[in-house]
Amino acid sequence: MAETPRFPVPPTRRRIVAAAGGVGLAAALAACGNSDDSSNDASSDTSSPSSSAPATDPTTSDAGAAPSTSAAAGGGTPLGKTSDIPVGGGKIFADQKVVVTQPTAGQYKAFSSTCTHQGCQVASVSDGTINCPCHGSKFHVADGSVAGGPAMAPLPPEKVTVSGGQVMLDS
């Protein structure tokens, strides 16, 4: 009978490369899993598209709506002018990590600009979608839902208020 070696088998290049690959794969899968889990919790109410947003939708502000108390009291962060956000498109505010869209005239929505696939920052808004340059994920400007993968979770909503032609990120 063959005896079991008393000492560990010496490492070979093949074993080292296989172990490193396994660790990298586990890290990548954990990162994707964590991203999907946290974004599903934050956006469970907005994961299904609807034809019209309810008045209590935290991502929506109408141009004629009264400002929230946080924005009126100076608690919000000014993002930019409403005139800078095209109807059917949007604008990315990289410093605040938020993208503001205007799906229809006078209706403003805001979402995290961090892609739910692997955490890259979205880079453009065009043709009705918010676009991630890293792996090609696309999200609808109307509700942040996935328009094209590999992302599987929508962009988490952010709350904005419109007052006096200014878009404010509520804190």
Protein backbone atom coordinates (compact mmCIF):
# COMPACT_ATOMS: atom_id res chain seq x y z
CA MET A 1 0.00 0.00 0.00
CA ALA A 2 1.08 3.54 -0.68
CA GLU A 3 1.75 5.67 2.35
CA THR A 4 0.26 9.13 2.77
CA PRO A 5 3.06 11.71 2.66
CA ARG A 6 3.88 13.27 6.02
CA PHE A 7 4.70 16.65 4.58
CA PRO A 8 2.61 18.82 2.24
CA VAL A 9 3.24 18.42 -1.44
CA PRO A 10 5.63 21.14 -2.63
CA PRO A 11 3.96 23.92 -4.60
CA THR A 12 4.23 23.82 -8.35
CA ARG A 13 3.57 26.60 -10.79
CA ARG A 14 0.35 24.89 -11.84
CA ARG A 15 -0.94 24.72 -8.24
CA ILE A 16 -0.04 28.35 -7.56
CA VAL A 17 -1.75 29.62 -10.73
CA ALA A 18 -4.85 27.49 -10.04
CA ALA A 19 -5.09 28.78 -6.47
CA ALA A 20 -4.69 32.41 -7.56
CA GLY A 21 -7.35 31.97 -10.24
CA GLY A 22 -9.74 30.46 -7.74
CA VAL A 23 -9.25 33.34 -5.31
CA GLY A 24 -9.79 35.90 -8.10
CA LEU A 25 -12.94 34.16 -9.29
CA ALA A 26 -14.33 34.01 -5.76
CA ALA A 27 -13.64 37.74 -5.29
CA ALA A 28 -15.33 38.64 -8.59
CA LEU A 29 -18.39 36.55 -7.78
CA ALA A 30 -18.61 38.04 -4.29
CA ALA A 31 -18.42 41.57 -5.72
CA CYS A 32 -21.20 40.90 -8.21
CA GLY A 33 -23.32 39.25 -5.54
CA ASN A 34 -22.89 42.10 -3.07
CA SER A 35 -23.76 44.70 -5.70
CA ASP A 36 -26.95 42.93 -6.71
CA ASP A 37 -28.02 42.29 -3.11
CA SER A 38 -27.60 45.87 -1.91
CA SER A 39 -29.21 47.43 -4.96
CA ASN A 40 -32.21 45.14 -4.80
CA ASP A 41 -32.87 46.25 -1.23
CA ALA A 42 -32.62 49.93 -2.12
CA SER A 43 -34.75 49.72 -5.24
CA SER A 44 -37.29 47.00 -4.60
CA ASP A 45 -40.15 49.42 -5.21
CA THR A 46 -38.76 50.70 -8.53
CA SER A 47 -37.63 47.44 -10.12
CA SER A 48 -40.71 47.14 -12.31
CA PRO A 49 -41.33 49.83 -14.89
CA SER A 50 -44.58 51.74 -14.70
CA SER A 51 -46.28 53.94 -17.23
CA SER A 52 -46.61 56.85 -14.84
CA ALA A 53 -44.72 57.65 -11.66
CA PRO A 54 -46.74 58.23 -8.51
CA ALA A 55 -46.53 61.65 -6.88
CA THR A 56 -44.71 60.13 -3.91
CA ASP A 57 -41.92 58.65 -6.05
CA PRO A 58 -38.69 59.85 -4.36
CA THR A 59 -36.90 60.24 -7.70
CA THR A 60 -39.50 62.52 -9.23
CA SER A 61 -39.94 66.26 -9.00
CA ASP A 62 -42.16 68.37 -11.18
CA ALA A 63 -40.92 71.77 -12.30
CA GLY A 64 -43.92 73.48 -10.69
CA ALA A 65 -43.74 71.59 -7.42
CA ALA A 66 -42.95 73.35 -4.15
CA PRO A 67 -39.43 72.71 -2.88
CA SER A 68 -38.94 70.25 -0.06
CA THR A 69 -38.07 71.64 3.35
CA SER A 70 -34.53 70.28 3.15
CA ALA A 71 -33.82 72.11 -0.11
CA ALA A 72 -35.62 75.28 1.02
CA ALA A 73 -33.67 75.28 4.30
CA GLY A 74 -30.36 74.82 2.47
CA GLY A 75 -30.10 71.10 3.28
CA GLY A 76 -29.89 70.04 -0.35
CA THR A 77 -26.93 70.07 -2.70
CA PRO A 78 -27.40 72.22 -5.82
CA LEU A 79 -26.70 70.15 -8.92
CA GLY A 80 -27.50 72.41 -11.85
CA LYS A 81 -30.09 74.18 -13.93
CA THR A 82 -33.15 72.36 -15.20
CA SER A 83 -32.39 73.80 -18.65
CA ASP A 84 -29.16 71.73 -18.72
CA ILE A 85 -31.12 68.46 -18.55
CA PRO A 86 -32.63 67.55 -21.93
CA VAL A 87 -36.11 66.06 -22.24
CA GLY A 88 -35.72 62.32 -22.90
CA GLY A 89 -32.11 62.46 -21.70
CA GLY A 90 -30.12 63.40 -18.66
CA LYS A 91 -26.93 64.74 -17.15
CA ILE A 92 -24.32 63.04 -14.97
CA PHE A 93 -23.06 64.90 -11.91
CA ALA A 94 -19.83 62.98 -11.32
CA ASP A 95 -18.80 64.72 -8.08
CA GLN A 96 -22.09 63.80 -6.42
CA LYS A 97 -22.21 60.36 -8.12
CA VAL A 98 -25.73 60.97 -9.37
CA VAL A 99 -27.40 61.13 -12.77
CA VAL A 100 -30.51 63.30 -13.24
CA THR A 101 -32.88 62.58 -16.11
CA GLN A 102 -35.94 64.28 -17.58
CA PRO A 103 -38.00 61.44 -19.12
CA THR A 104 -40.85 63.81 -20.01
CA ALA A 105 -41.01 67.61 -19.93
CA GLY A 106 -40.99 68.85 -16.34
CA GLN A 107 -40.48 65.42 -14.74
CA TYR A 108 -37.05 64.92 -13.13
CA LYS A 109 -35.66 61.62 -11.88
CA ALA A 110 -32.34 60.90 -10.19
CA PHE A 111 -30.33 57.72 -9.80
CA SER A 112 -26.98 56.66 -8.45
CA SER A 113 -24.38 56.93 -11.22
CA THR A 114 -22.68 53.74 -9.98
CA CYS A 115 -23.43 50.80 -12.28
CA THR A 116 -24.97 47.86 -10.43
CA HIS A 117 -22.90 45.37 -12.42
CA GLN A 118 -19.39 45.99 -11.07
CA GLY A 119 -19.41 49.50 -9.65
CA CYS A 120 -18.13 51.52 -12.60
CA GLN A 121 -19.41 55.08 -13.01
CA VAL A 122 -21.83 55.56 -15.89
CA ALA A 123 -20.41 57.85 -18.55
CA SER A 124 -23.19 59.02 -20.84
CA VAL A 125 -26.91 59.48 -21.35
CA SER A 126 -28.15 59.04 -24.91
CA ASP A 127 -31.05 57.59 -26.87
CA GLY A 128 -33.16 57.19 -23.72
CA THR A 129 -30.56 55.20 -21.75
CA ILE A 130 -27.91 55.80 -19.10
CA ASN A 131 -24.78 54.02 -20.33
CA CYS A 132 -21.91 52.32 -18.51
CA PRO A 133 -18.64 52.22 -20.46
CA CYS A 134 -17.07 49.27 -18.60
CA HIS A 135 -19.17 46.33 -19.81
CA GLY A 136 -21.96 47.95 -21.83
CA SER A 137 -24.83 47.98 -19.34
CA LYS A 138 -27.69 50.36 -20.17
CA PHE A 139 -30.45 51.69 -17.92
CA HIS A 140 -33.77 53.39 -18.85
CA VAL A 141 -33.87 57.16 -18.12
CA ALA A 142 -37.49 56.89 -16.94
CA ASP A 143 -36.99 54.50 -14.03
CA GLY A 144 -33.36 53.32 -13.89
CA SER A 145 -34.36 49.78 -14.87
CA VAL A 146 -31.97 47.64 -16.89
CA ALA A 147 -32.29 48.18 -20.65
CA GLY A 148 -29.33 45.93 -21.48
CA GLY A 149 -26.95 43.77 -19.48
CA PRO A 150 -24.75 42.49 -18.07
CA ALA A 151 -26.21 44.47 -15.12
CA MET A 152 -29.19 42.68 -13.64
CA ALA A 153 -30.33 45.25 -11.05
CA PRO A 154 -31.65 48.78 -11.69
CA LEU A 155 -29.79 51.92 -10.67
CA PRO A 156 -30.78 52.89 -7.11
CA PRO A 157 -32.99 56.00 -6.97
CA GLU A 158 -31.88 59.31 -5.44
CA LYS A 159 -34.19 62.10 -4.30
CA VAL A 160 -34.11 65.46 -6.05
CA THR A 161 -36.16 68.63 -5.75
CA VAL A 162 -36.68 71.33 -8.35
CA SER A 163 -36.97 74.94 -7.24
CA GLY A 164 -36.52 78.13 -9.20
CA GLY A 165 -35.07 76.37 -12.22
CA GLN A 166 -32.48 74.54 -10.08
CA VAL A 167 -32.19 70.81 -9.42
CA MET A 168 -31.25 70.04 -5.80
CA LEU A 169 -30.04 66.70 -4.49
CA ASP A 170 -31.85 66.14 -1.20
CA SER A 171 -29.59 65.18 1.68
